[in-house]
Amino acid sequence: MRDDPTVVTLVERARDGDQAAWNQIVDRYAALIWAICRRHGLGGADAEDVAATVWLRLVERLATIREPAALPGWLASTTRRACLQALNARGRQLPVETERIPDQTDHTATDEWLLREERHLALRVAYADLPEHCRRLLAMLFRDEDEADRYNRIVAALGMKKGGIGPTRGRCLDKLRENPAIAALMDTTVAGGR
């Protein structure tokens, strides 16, 4: 993840005042911030307040981030601190679930956790960009049910022939892999030897 040239480019462009780059950073990492808020038991207005705080801090400190590729880690750490401050201000206890967030001092665990979160985000972004018929087909294919029942439901719901399900699935998965969010992540994964 630290080798992702896209993050470095986005940070450098945002530092130069490129609004499109800033928007891409927000789009790319908003789900990560939200996920951390949810793990801390925050939602709704509390999570929105934390997110606003994190983005404001990034605006204030964007020029001073020494390692642009470390932006996801910086965002995660800043979000965790903002969540803890919000919980502390309200006198609430941390949920047990937050123990799954890796300790900041364990960089390997933190990097793995961030990579997992970034993969989930990339998949959600790419899936949302698929045509409606692909989203419906893939959603139905990955339901936990008997394969024969699954195919019969797909035939009935989508009006497809059973013999066309496999090839259509392949084309949809190819579109998913070709999405820039997934392609960039796959390039990073291959380069990182994962």
N, C-alpha and C. Protein backbone atom coordinates (compact mmCIF):
# COMPACT_ATOMS: atom_id res chain seq x y z
N MET A 1 0.82 -1.17 0.00
CA MET A 1 0.00 0.00 0.00
C MET A 1 0.88 1.25 0.00
N ARG A 2 1.97 1.21 0.69
CA ARG A 2 2.85 2.38 0.72
C ARG A 2 3.51 2.61 -0.63
N ASP A 3 3.45 1.62 -1.52
CA ASP A 3 4.05 1.76 -2.84
C ASP A 3 3.04 2.25 -3.87
N ASP A 4 1.83 2.59 -3.46
CA ASP A 4 0.78 2.99 -4.39
C ASP A 4 1.07 4.38 -4.93
N PRO A 5 1.48 4.48 -6.19
CA PRO A 5 1.81 5.79 -6.75
C PRO A 5 0.59 6.70 -6.89
N THR A 6 -0.60 6.11 -6.95
CA THR A 6 -1.81 6.92 -7.08
C THR A 6 -1.98 7.81 -5.87
N VAL A 7 -1.74 7.27 -4.67
CA VAL A 7 -1.89 8.06 -3.44
C VAL A 7 -0.90 9.21 -3.44
N VAL A 8 0.34 8.93 -3.79
CA VAL A 8 1.37 9.97 -3.81
C VAL A 8 0.98 11.08 -4.78
N THR A 9 0.54 10.69 -5.97
CA THR A 9 0.14 11.66 -6.98
C THR A 9 -1.03 12.51 -6.50
N LEU A 10 -2.03 11.86 -5.91
CA LEU A 10 -3.19 12.59 -5.42
C LEU A 10 -2.80 13.60 -4.34
N VAL A 11 -1.95 13.17 -3.41
CA VAL A 11 -1.52 14.07 -2.33
C VAL A 11 -0.75 15.27 -2.92
N GLU A 12 0.16 14.98 -3.84
CA GLU A 12 0.95 16.06 -4.42
C GLU A 12 0.07 17.04 -5.19
N ARG A 13 -0.89 16.51 -5.95
CA ARG A 13 -1.80 17.39 -6.70
C ARG A 13 -2.68 18.20 -5.75
N ALA A 14 -3.17 17.55 -4.68
CA ALA A 14 -4.02 18.26 -3.71
C ALA A 14 -3.22 19.37 -3.02
N ARG A 15 -1.95 19.11 -2.73
CA ARG A 15 -1.09 20.14 -2.13
C ARG A 15 -0.98 21.35 -3.04
N ASP A 16 -1.00 21.10 -4.35
CA ASP A 16 -0.89 22.18 -5.32
C ASP A 16 -2.23 22.88 -5.59
N GLY A 17 -3.26 22.48 -4.84
CA GLY A 17 -4.56 23.14 -4.96
C GLY A 17 -5.51 22.51 -5.96
N ASP A 18 -5.21 21.31 -6.43
CA ASP A 18 -6.06 20.63 -7.40
C ASP A 18 -7.30 20.08 -6.70
N GLN A 19 -8.45 20.72 -6.93
CA GLN A 19 -9.70 20.32 -6.28
C GLN A 19 -10.11 18.91 -6.68
N ALA A 20 -9.89 18.52 -7.93
CA ALA A 20 -10.26 17.17 -8.39
C ALA A 20 -9.47 16.11 -7.61
N ALA A 21 -8.20 16.38 -7.34
CA ALA A 21 -7.38 15.44 -6.56
C ALA A 21 -7.91 15.34 -5.14
N TRP A 22 -8.26 16.48 -4.55
CA TRP A 22 -8.83 16.46 -3.20
C TRP A 22 -10.11 15.63 -3.18
N ASN A 23 -10.97 15.85 -4.17
CA ASN A 23 -12.23 15.09 -4.24
C ASN A 23 -11.96 13.59 -4.37
N GLN A 24 -10.93 13.22 -5.13
CA GLN A 24 -10.59 11.80 -5.26
C GLN A 24 -10.09 11.22 -3.94
N ILE A 25 -9.33 12.00 -3.20
CA ILE A 25 -8.88 11.53 -1.88
C ILE A 25 -10.08 11.29 -0.98
N VAL A 26 -10.99 12.23 -0.94
CA VAL A 26 -12.18 12.09 -0.11
C VAL A 26 -12.99 10.88 -0.55
N ASP A 27 -13.22 10.74 -1.86
CA ASP A 27 -13.98 9.59 -2.38
C ASP A 27 -13.30 8.27 -2.04
N ARG A 28 -11.99 8.25 -2.15
CA ARG A 28 -11.25 7.01 -1.94
C ARG A 28 -11.24 6.57 -0.47
N TYR A 29 -11.19 7.53 0.46
CA TYR A 29 -10.99 7.17 1.86
C TYR A 29 -12.17 7.45 2.79
N ALA A 30 -13.25 7.97 2.27
CA ALA A 30 -14.42 8.24 3.12
C ALA A 30 -14.93 6.96 3.76
N ALA A 31 -14.96 5.87 3.02
CA ALA A 31 -15.45 4.60 3.57
C ALA A 31 -14.52 4.07 4.67
N LEU A 32 -13.23 4.31 4.54
CA LEU A 32 -12.29 3.90 5.58
C LEU A 32 -12.58 4.65 6.87
N ILE A 33 -12.79 5.95 6.76
CA ILE A 33 -13.10 6.76 7.94
C ILE A 33 -14.41 6.29 8.56
N TRP A 34 -15.41 6.05 7.73
CA TRP A 34 -16.70 5.58 8.22
C TRP A 34 -16.55 4.22 8.92
N ALA A 35 -15.76 3.32 8.34
CA ALA A 35 -15.58 1.99 8.94
C ALA A 35 -14.94 2.09 10.32
N ILE A 36 -13.98 2.97 10.47
CA ILE A 36 -13.34 3.15 11.78
C ILE A 36 -14.34 3.73 12.78
N CYS A 37 -15.14 4.68 12.33
CA CYS A 37 -16.18 5.23 13.21
C CYS A 37 -17.14 4.13 13.65
N ARG A 38 -17.56 3.29 12.74
CA ARG A 38 -18.48 2.20 13.07
C ARG A 38 -17.85 1.23 14.06
N ARG A 39 -16.57 0.95 13.91
CA ARG A 39 -15.88 0.04 14.84
C ARG A 39 -15.80 0.64 16.24
N HIS A 40 -15.87 1.94 16.30
CA HIS A 40 -15.87 2.61 17.60
C HIS A 40 -17.28 2.84 18.12
N GLY A 41 -18.26 2.34 17.40
CA GLY A 41 -19.65 2.45 17.83
C GLY A 41 -20.28 3.80 17.52
N LEU A 42 -19.66 4.56 16.63
CA LEU A 42 -20.19 5.86 16.26
C LEU A 42 -20.94 5.76 14.94
N GLY A 43 -22.03 6.47 14.85
CA GLY A 43 -22.80 6.51 13.62
C GLY A 43 -23.50 7.85 13.52
N GLY A 44 -24.21 8.05 12.45
CA GLY A 44 -25.00 9.26 12.27
C GLY A 44 -24.19 10.54 12.43
N ALA A 45 -24.74 11.45 13.22
CA ALA A 45 -24.11 12.77 13.41
C ALA A 45 -22.73 12.66 14.05
N ASP A 46 -22.55 11.70 14.97
CA ASP A 46 -21.23 11.53 15.61
C ASP A 46 -20.17 11.17 14.56
N ALA A 47 -20.50 10.23 13.70
CA ALA A 47 -19.55 9.82 12.66
C ALA A 47 -19.30 10.96 11.67
N GLU A 48 -20.33 11.71 11.35
CA GLU A 48 -20.17 12.85 10.45
C GLU A 48 -19.26 13.91 11.08
N ASP A 49 -19.42 14.12 12.38
CA ASP A 49 -18.56 15.08 13.08
C ASP A 49 -17.10 14.63 13.06
N VAL A 50 -16.89 13.33 13.31
CA VAL A 50 -15.53 12.80 13.28
C VAL A 50 -14.95 12.96 11.88
N ALA A 51 -15.72 12.59 10.85
CA ALA A 51 -15.23 12.71 9.48
C ALA A 51 -14.87 14.16 9.15
N ALA A 52 -15.73 15.10 9.54
CA ALA A 52 -15.45 16.52 9.29
C ALA A 52 -14.16 16.95 9.99
N THR A 53 -13.96 16.46 11.20
CA THR A 53 -12.75 16.78 11.95
C THR A 53 -11.51 16.24 11.23
N VAL A 54 -11.60 14.99 10.76
CA VAL A 54 -10.47 14.36 10.07
C VAL A 54 -10.14 15.12 8.79
N TRP A 55 -11.16 15.45 7.99
CA TRP A 55 -10.89 16.16 6.73
C TRP A 55 -10.33 17.56 7.01
N LEU A 56 -10.82 18.21 8.05
CA LEU A 56 -10.29 19.53 8.40
C LEU A 56 -8.81 19.42 8.80
N ARG A 57 -8.49 18.42 9.60
CA ARG A 57 -7.09 18.22 10.01
C ARG A 57 -6.21 17.93 8.80
N LEU A 58 -6.75 17.18 7.84
CA LEU A 58 -5.96 16.90 6.63
C LEU A 58 -5.72 18.19 5.85
N VAL A 59 -6.73 19.02 5.72
CA VAL A 59 -6.55 20.31 5.03
C VAL A 59 -5.46 21.11 5.73
N GLU A 60 -5.49 21.13 7.06
CA GLU A 60 -4.51 21.91 7.83
C GLU A 60 -3.10 21.34 7.73
N ARG A 61 -2.99 20.03 7.57
CA ARG A 61 -1.67 19.39 7.64
C ARG A 61 -1.20 18.76 6.32
N LEU A 62 -1.96 18.91 5.27
CA LEU A 62 -1.61 18.27 4.00
C LEU A 62 -0.20 18.63 3.55
N ALA A 63 0.16 19.87 3.71
CA ALA A 63 1.49 20.33 3.27
C ALA A 63 2.61 19.75 4.12
N THR A 64 2.30 19.28 5.33
CA THR A 64 3.36 18.80 6.23
C THR A 64 3.47 17.28 6.30
N ILE A 65 2.63 16.58 5.56
CA ILE A 65 2.73 15.11 5.57
C ILE A 65 4.01 14.73 4.83
N ARG A 66 4.95 14.13 5.57
CA ARG A 66 6.27 13.84 5.01
C ARG A 66 6.25 12.70 4.01
N GLU A 67 5.42 11.72 4.24
CA GLU A 67 5.38 10.55 3.37
C GLU A 67 3.97 10.42 2.78
N PRO A 68 3.74 11.01 1.60
CA PRO A 68 2.40 10.99 1.02
C PRO A 68 1.80 9.59 0.88
N ALA A 69 2.62 8.59 0.63
CA ALA A 69 2.10 7.22 0.47
C ALA A 69 1.53 6.69 1.78
N ALA A 70 1.87 7.32 2.90
CA ALA A 70 1.37 6.88 4.21
C ALA A 70 0.04 7.54 4.55
N LEU A 71 -0.57 8.23 3.60
CA LEU A 71 -1.83 8.92 3.87
C LEU A 71 -2.90 8.00 4.47
N PRO A 72 -3.11 6.78 3.95
CA PRO A 72 -4.14 5.93 4.56
C PRO A 72 -3.89 5.68 6.06
N GLY A 73 -2.66 5.46 6.42
CA GLY A 73 -2.33 5.25 7.83
C GLY A 73 -2.55 6.50 8.65
N TRP A 74 -2.19 7.66 8.09
CA TRP A 74 -2.41 8.92 8.77
C TRP A 74 -3.90 9.14 8.99
N LEU A 75 -4.70 8.89 7.96
CA LEU A 75 -6.15 9.04 8.09
C LEU A 75 -6.72 8.09 9.14
N ALA A 76 -6.25 6.85 9.13
CA ALA A 76 -6.75 5.86 10.11
C ALA A 76 -6.39 6.29 11.53
N SER A 77 -5.15 6.70 11.74
CA SER A 77 -4.73 7.13 13.08
C SER A 77 -5.49 8.37 13.54
N THR A 78 -5.63 9.33 12.65
CA THR A 78 -6.35 10.56 12.98
C THR A 78 -7.81 10.26 13.28
N THR A 79 -8.41 9.36 12.50
CA THR A 79 -9.81 8.99 12.73
C THR A 79 -9.97 8.29 14.07
N ARG A 80 -9.07 7.37 14.39
CA ARG A 80 -9.14 6.68 15.69
C ARG A 80 -9.07 7.68 16.83
N ARG A 81 -8.13 8.63 16.75
CA ARG A 81 -8.00 9.64 17.81
C ARG A 81 -9.27 10.49 17.91
N ALA A 82 -9.82 10.88 16.77
CA ALA A 82 -11.05 11.69 16.77
C ALA A 82 -12.23 10.90 17.34
N CYS A 83 -12.29 9.61 17.04
CA CYS A 83 -13.35 8.77 17.61
C CYS A 83 -13.21 8.67 19.12
N LEU A 84 -11.99 8.47 19.58
CA LEU A 84 -11.76 8.37 21.03
C LEU A 84 -12.11 9.68 21.72
N GLN A 85 -11.77 10.81 21.08
CA GLN A 85 -12.12 12.11 21.66
C GLN A 85 -13.63 12.29 21.72
N ALA A 86 -14.33 11.87 20.65
CA ALA A 86 -15.79 11.99 20.62
C ALA A 86 -16.42 11.11 21.70
N LEU A 87 -15.92 9.90 21.86
CA LEU A 87 -16.45 9.00 22.89
C LEU A 87 -16.16 9.54 24.28
N ASN A 88 -14.96 10.04 24.47
CA ASN A 88 -14.57 10.59 25.76
C ASN A 88 -15.41 11.81 26.11
N ALA A 89 -15.68 12.67 25.12
CA ALA A 89 -16.48 13.86 25.36
C ALA A 89 -17.91 13.51 25.78
N ARG A 90 -18.38 12.39 25.34
CA ARG A 90 -19.74 11.96 25.67
C ARG A 90 -19.78 10.97 26.84
N GLY A 91 -18.59 10.67 27.38
CA GLY A 91 -18.53 9.77 28.52
C GLY A 91 -18.92 8.34 28.19
N ARG A 92 -18.73 7.96 26.93
CA ARG A 92 -19.09 6.61 26.51
C ARG A 92 -17.88 5.69 26.54
N GLN A 93 -18.15 4.42 26.76
CA GLN A 93 -17.10 3.41 26.77
C GLN A 93 -16.85 2.92 25.35
N LEU A 94 -15.61 2.51 25.11
CA LEU A 94 -15.28 1.91 23.81
C LEU A 94 -15.91 0.54 23.70
N PRO A 95 -16.49 0.22 22.54
CA PRO A 95 -17.00 -1.13 22.37
C PRO A 95 -15.85 -2.12 22.26
N VAL A 96 -16.09 -3.37 22.65
CA VAL A 96 -15.06 -4.41 22.58
C VAL A 96 -14.57 -4.59 21.16
N GLU A 97 -15.44 -4.37 20.20
CA GLU A 97 -15.12 -4.57 18.79
C GLU A 97 -13.90 -3.78 18.34
N THR A 98 -13.59 -2.65 18.97
CA THR A 98 -12.47 -1.82 18.54
C THR A 98 -11.14 -2.51 18.76
N GLU A 99 -11.12 -3.57 19.53
CA GLU A 99 -9.86 -4.28 19.74
C GLU A 99 -9.36 -4.91 18.45
N ARG A 100 -10.22 -5.05 17.44
CA ARG A 100 -9.79 -5.61 16.16
C ARG A 100 -8.98 -4.62 15.35
N ILE A 101 -9.04 -3.33 15.69
CA ILE A 101 -8.23 -2.34 15.00
C ILE A 101 -6.81 -2.51 15.51
N PRO A 102 -5.85 -2.70 14.61
CA PRO A 102 -4.49 -2.96 15.06
C PRO A 102 -3.88 -1.80 15.82
N ASP A 103 -2.99 -2.16 16.72
CA ASP A 103 -2.25 -1.18 17.49
C ASP A 103 -1.34 -0.39 16.53
N GLN A 104 -1.28 0.92 16.73
CA GLN A 104 -0.47 1.77 15.87
C GLN A 104 1.00 1.39 15.88
N THR A 105 1.48 0.82 16.95
CA THR A 105 2.90 0.50 17.02
C THR A 105 3.23 -0.76 16.24
N ASP A 106 2.24 -1.59 15.94
CA ASP A 106 2.47 -2.79 15.14
C ASP A 106 2.22 -2.43 13.68
N HIS A 107 3.27 -1.96 13.00
CA HIS A 107 3.12 -1.44 11.64
C HIS A 107 2.69 -2.52 10.66
N THR A 108 3.13 -3.75 10.84
CA THR A 108 2.73 -4.84 9.93
C THR A 108 1.23 -5.08 10.04
N ALA A 109 0.72 -5.17 11.26
CA ALA A 109 -0.72 -5.39 11.44
C ALA A 109 -1.51 -4.21 10.94
N THR A 110 -1.02 -3.00 11.18
CA THR A 110 -1.71 -1.80 10.72
C THR A 110 -1.76 -1.77 9.19
N ASP A 111 -0.63 -2.05 8.55
CA ASP A 111 -0.58 -2.07 7.09
C ASP A 111 -1.52 -3.12 6.52
N GLU A 112 -1.55 -4.30 7.15
CA GLU A 112 -2.44 -5.36 6.67
C GLU A 112 -3.90 -4.95 6.85
N TRP A 113 -4.23 -4.34 7.97
CA TRP A 113 -5.59 -3.90 8.22
C TRP A 113 -5.99 -2.83 7.20
N LEU A 114 -5.10 -1.85 6.97
CA LEU A 114 -5.39 -0.79 6.02
C LEU A 114 -5.54 -1.35 4.61
N LEU A 115 -4.69 -2.31 4.25
CA LEU A 115 -4.79 -2.93 2.93
C LEU A 115 -6.13 -3.63 2.77
N ARG A 116 -6.55 -4.34 3.81
CA ARG A 116 -7.85 -5.02 3.78
C ARG A 116 -8.98 -4.01 3.60
N GLU A 117 -8.92 -2.92 4.37
CA GLU A 117 -9.95 -1.89 4.26
C GLU A 117 -9.94 -1.25 2.88
N GLU A 118 -8.74 -1.01 2.33
CA GLU A 118 -8.66 -0.40 1.01
C GLU A 118 -9.19 -1.36 -0.06
N ARG A 119 -8.92 -2.65 0.11
CA ARG A 119 -9.47 -3.64 -0.84
C ARG A 119 -10.99 -3.63 -0.79
N HIS A 120 -11.57 -3.61 0.41
CA HIS A 120 -13.02 -3.58 0.54
C HIS A 120 -13.59 -2.32 -0.12
N LEU A 121 -12.95 -1.21 0.11
CA LEU A 121 -13.40 0.05 -0.48
C LEU A 121 -13.31 -0.01 -2.00
N ALA A 122 -12.19 -0.49 -2.52
CA ALA A 122 -12.02 -0.58 -3.98
C ALA A 122 -13.08 -1.49 -4.58
N LEU A 123 -13.36 -2.59 -3.92
CA LEU A 123 -14.38 -3.51 -4.42
C LEU A 123 -15.76 -2.86 -4.43
N ARG A 124 -16.09 -2.13 -3.38
CA ARG A 124 -17.39 -1.45 -3.34
C ARG A 124 -17.49 -0.39 -4.44
N VAL A 125 -16.42 0.35 -4.67
CA VAL A 125 -16.41 1.38 -5.71
C VAL A 125 -16.57 0.72 -7.08
N ALA A 126 -15.79 -0.32 -7.34
CA ALA A 126 -15.85 -1.00 -8.63
C ALA A 126 -17.21 -1.66 -8.85
N TYR A 127 -17.75 -2.28 -7.82
CA TYR A 127 -19.05 -2.94 -7.92
C TYR A 127 -20.14 -1.91 -8.24
N ALA A 128 -20.08 -0.76 -7.62
CA ALA A 128 -21.08 0.29 -7.87
C ALA A 128 -21.00 0.81 -9.29
N ASP A 129 -19.83 0.72 -9.91
CA ASP A 129 -19.66 1.20 -11.29
C ASP A 129 -20.12 0.19 -12.33
N LEU A 130 -20.38 -1.05 -11.92
CA LEU A 130 -20.82 -2.08 -12.87
C LEU A 130 -22.21 -1.75 -13.41
N PRO A 131 -22.51 -2.23 -14.62
CA PRO A 131 -23.89 -2.09 -15.12
C PRO A 131 -24.84 -2.84 -14.18
N GLU A 132 -26.08 -2.39 -14.16
CA GLU A 132 -27.09 -2.97 -13.27
C GLU A 132 -27.21 -4.48 -13.43
N HIS A 133 -27.19 -4.98 -14.68
CA HIS A 133 -27.36 -6.43 -14.87
C HIS A 133 -26.19 -7.22 -14.26
N CYS A 134 -25.01 -6.66 -14.30
CA CYS A 134 -23.85 -7.33 -13.68
C CYS A 134 -23.97 -7.33 -12.16
N ARG A 135 -24.38 -6.18 -11.59
CA ARG A 135 -24.53 -6.12 -10.13
C ARG A 135 -25.56 -7.15 -9.66
N ARG A 136 -26.68 -7.21 -10.36
CA ARG A 136 -27.75 -8.15 -9.97
C ARG A 136 -27.26 -9.59 -10.10
N LEU A 137 -26.60 -9.90 -11.22
CA LEU A 137 -26.13 -11.27 -11.44
C LEU A 137 -25.12 -11.67 -10.37
N LEU A 138 -24.12 -10.82 -10.14
CA LEU A 138 -23.09 -11.17 -9.16
C LEU A 138 -23.67 -11.28 -7.75
N ALA A 139 -24.59 -10.40 -7.41
CA ALA A 139 -25.22 -10.48 -6.09
C ALA A 139 -25.95 -11.81 -5.93
N MET A 140 -26.65 -12.22 -6.97
CA MET A 140 -27.40 -13.48 -6.90
C MET A 140 -26.46 -14.69 -6.89
N LEU A 141 -25.35 -14.58 -7.60
CA LEU A 141 -24.40 -15.71 -7.66
C LEU A 141 -23.70 -15.95 -6.33
N PHE A 142 -23.51 -14.90 -5.56
CA PHE A 142 -22.75 -15.05 -4.33
C PHE A 142 -23.63 -15.23 -3.10
N ARG A 143 -24.90 -15.46 -3.31
CA ARG A 143 -25.77 -15.79 -2.18
C ARG A 143 -25.43 -17.18 -1.69
N ASP A 144 -25.64 -17.39 -0.42
CA ASP A 144 -25.35 -18.69 0.19
C ASP A 144 -26.57 -19.60 0.03
N GLU A 145 -26.62 -20.31 -1.08
CA GLU A 145 -27.72 -21.24 -1.33
C GLU A 145 -27.24 -22.33 -2.27
N ASP A 146 -28.03 -23.34 -2.43
CA ASP A 146 -27.71 -24.45 -3.31
C ASP A 146 -27.52 -23.94 -4.73
N GLU A 147 -26.49 -24.44 -5.42
CA GLU A 147 -26.16 -23.95 -6.76
C GLU A 147 -27.31 -24.12 -7.75
N ALA A 148 -28.00 -25.28 -7.71
CA ALA A 148 -29.11 -25.50 -8.63
C ALA A 148 -30.23 -24.48 -8.36
N ASP A 149 -30.54 -24.25 -7.11
CA ASP A 149 -31.55 -23.24 -6.77
C ASP A 149 -31.11 -21.85 -7.23
N ARG A 150 -29.84 -21.56 -7.03
CA ARG A 150 -29.30 -20.25 -7.39
C ARG A 150 -29.48 -20.01 -8.90
N TYR A 151 -29.08 -20.98 -9.71
CA TYR A 151 -29.19 -20.82 -11.15
C TYR A 151 -30.65 -20.70 -11.59
N ASN A 152 -31.54 -21.49 -10.99
CA ASN A 152 -32.97 -21.41 -11.33
C ASN A 152 -33.53 -20.03 -10.98
N ARG A 153 -33.11 -19.47 -9.84
CA ARG A 153 -33.58 -18.14 -9.46
C ARG A 153 -33.05 -17.07 -10.41
N ILE A 154 -31.80 -17.23 -10.84
CA ILE A 154 -31.22 -16.27 -11.78
C ILE A 154 -31.98 -16.31 -13.10
N VAL A 155 -32.24 -17.52 -13.59
CA VAL A 155 -33.00 -17.67 -14.84
C VAL A 155 -34.34 -16.98 -14.72
N ALA A 156 -35.03 -17.21 -13.60
CA ALA A 156 -36.36 -16.62 -13.40
C ALA A 156 -36.29 -15.11 -13.21
N ALA A 157 -35.36 -14.63 -12.42
CA ALA A 157 -35.30 -13.21 -12.08
C ALA A 157 -34.71 -12.35 -13.20
N LEU A 158 -33.71 -12.87 -13.89
CA LEU A 158 -33.01 -12.06 -14.89
C LEU A 158 -33.36 -12.43 -16.32
N GLY A 159 -34.13 -13.48 -16.49
CA GLY A 159 -34.53 -13.89 -17.84
C GLY A 159 -33.37 -14.40 -18.67
N MET A 160 -32.39 -15.00 -18.03
CA MET A 160 -31.23 -15.54 -18.74
C MET A 160 -31.39 -17.03 -18.96
N LYS A 161 -30.64 -17.54 -19.92
CA LYS A 161 -30.57 -18.99 -20.10
C LYS A 161 -29.47 -19.50 -19.18
N LYS A 162 -29.65 -20.71 -18.67
CA LYS A 162 -28.63 -21.27 -17.76
C LYS A 162 -27.26 -21.28 -18.40
N GLY A 163 -27.19 -21.60 -19.68
CA GLY A 163 -25.90 -21.66 -20.37
C GLY A 163 -25.23 -20.31 -20.53
N GLY A 164 -25.97 -19.23 -20.35
CA GLY A 164 -25.40 -17.89 -20.49
C GLY A 164 -24.91 -17.29 -19.19
N ILE A 165 -25.25 -17.95 -18.08
CA ILE A 165 -24.88 -17.40 -16.77
C ILE A 165 -23.36 -17.35 -16.59
N GLY A 166 -22.68 -18.45 -16.87
CA GLY A 166 -21.23 -18.52 -16.69
C GLY A 166 -20.48 -17.50 -17.54
N PRO A 167 -20.75 -17.46 -18.87
CA PRO A 167 -20.06 -16.47 -19.70
C PRO A 167 -20.36 -15.03 -19.29
N THR A 168 -21.60 -14.76 -18.92
CA THR A 168 -21.95 -13.40 -18.49
C THR A 168 -21.23 -13.06 -17.19
N ARG A 169 -21.19 -14.02 -16.27
CA ARG A 169 -20.46 -13.82 -15.02
C ARG A 169 -19.01 -13.48 -15.32
N GLY A 170 -18.39 -14.21 -16.25
CA GLY A 170 -17.00 -13.95 -16.61
C GLY A 170 -16.79 -12.55 -17.14
N ARG A 171 -17.70 -12.09 -18.01
CA ARG A 171 -17.59 -10.73 -18.55
C ARG A 171 -17.77 -9.69 -17.45
N CYS A 172 -18.69 -9.94 -16.54
CA CYS A 172 -18.91 -9.00 -15.43
C CYS A 172 -17.69 -8.94 -14.52
N LEU A 173 -17.10 -10.09 -14.24
CA LEU A 173 -15.90 -10.10 -13.39
C LEU A 173 -14.73 -9.42 -14.10
N ASP A 174 -14.65 -9.58 -15.43
CA ASP A 174 -13.61 -8.87 -16.19
C ASP A 174 -13.80 -7.36 -16.06
N LYS A 175 -15.06 -6.90 -16.15
CA LYS A 175 -15.33 -5.46 -16.00
C LYS A 175 -14.94 -4.99 -14.60
N LEU A 176 -15.18 -5.84 -13.61
CA LEU A 176 -14.82 -5.51 -12.24
C LEU A 176 -13.30 -5.36 -12.13
N ARG A 177 -12.56 -6.32 -12.70
CA ARG A 177 -11.09 -6.28 -12.65
C ARG A 177 -10.51 -5.08 -13.40
N GLU A 178 -11.21 -4.64 -14.46
CA GLU A 178 -10.72 -3.53 -15.27
C GLU A 178 -11.01 -2.17 -14.65
N ASN A 179 -11.85 -2.12 -13.64
CA ASN A 179 -12.16 -0.86 -13.00
C ASN A 179 -10.87 -0.27 -12.43
N PRO A 180 -10.65 1.03 -12.61
CA PRO A 180 -9.40 1.64 -12.12
C PRO A 180 -9.14 1.40 -10.62
N ALA A 181 -10.18 1.37 -9.81
CA ALA A 181 -10.00 1.15 -8.37
C ALA A 181 -9.41 -0.23 -8.11
N ILE A 182 -9.90 -1.24 -8.82
CA ILE A 182 -9.40 -2.61 -8.64
C ILE A 182 -8.06 -2.77 -9.34
N ALA A 183 -7.94 -2.23 -10.56
CA ALA A 183 -6.70 -2.37 -11.31
C ALA A 183 -5.52 -1.79 -10.55
N ALA A 184 -5.71 -0.61 -9.94
CA ALA A 184 -4.63 0.01 -9.16
C ALA A 184 -4.27 -0.85 -7.96
N LEU A 185 -5.27 -1.41 -7.33
CA LEU A 185 -5.03 -2.26 -6.17
C LEU A 185 -4.33 -3.55 -6.58
N MET A 186 -4.72 -4.12 -7.71
CA MET A 186 -4.08 -5.35 -8.19
C MET A 186 -2.63 -5.09 -8.56
N ASP A 187 -2.35 -3.92 -9.18
CA ASP A 187 -0.98 -3.56 -9.51
C ASP A 187 -0.13 -3.44 -8.26
N THR A 188 -0.69 -2.83 -7.23
CA THR A 188 0.01 -2.66 -5.96
C THR A 188 0.26 -4.02 -5.30
N THR A 189 -0.75 -4.89 -5.35
CA THR A 189 -0.63 -6.21 -4.74
C THR A 189 0.44 -7.03 -5.44
N VAL A 190 0.46 -7.00 -6.77
CA VAL A 190 1.46 -7.74 -7.53
C VAL A 190 2.84 -7.19 -7.26
N ALA A 191 2.97 -5.86 -7.25
CA ALA A 191 4.27 -5.22 -7.00
C ALA A 191 4.76 -5.53 -5.60
N GLY A 192 3.83 -5.65 -4.65
CA GLY A 192 4.21 -5.92 -3.26
C GLY A 192 4.42 -7.39 -2.99
N GLY A 193 4.20 -8.25 -3.98
CA GLY A 193 4.42 -9.68 -3.81
C GLY A 193 3.33 -10.37 -3.03
N ARG A 194 2.14 -9.79 -3.00
CA ARG A 194 1.04 -10.39 -2.25
C ARG A 194 0.12 -11.12 -3.16
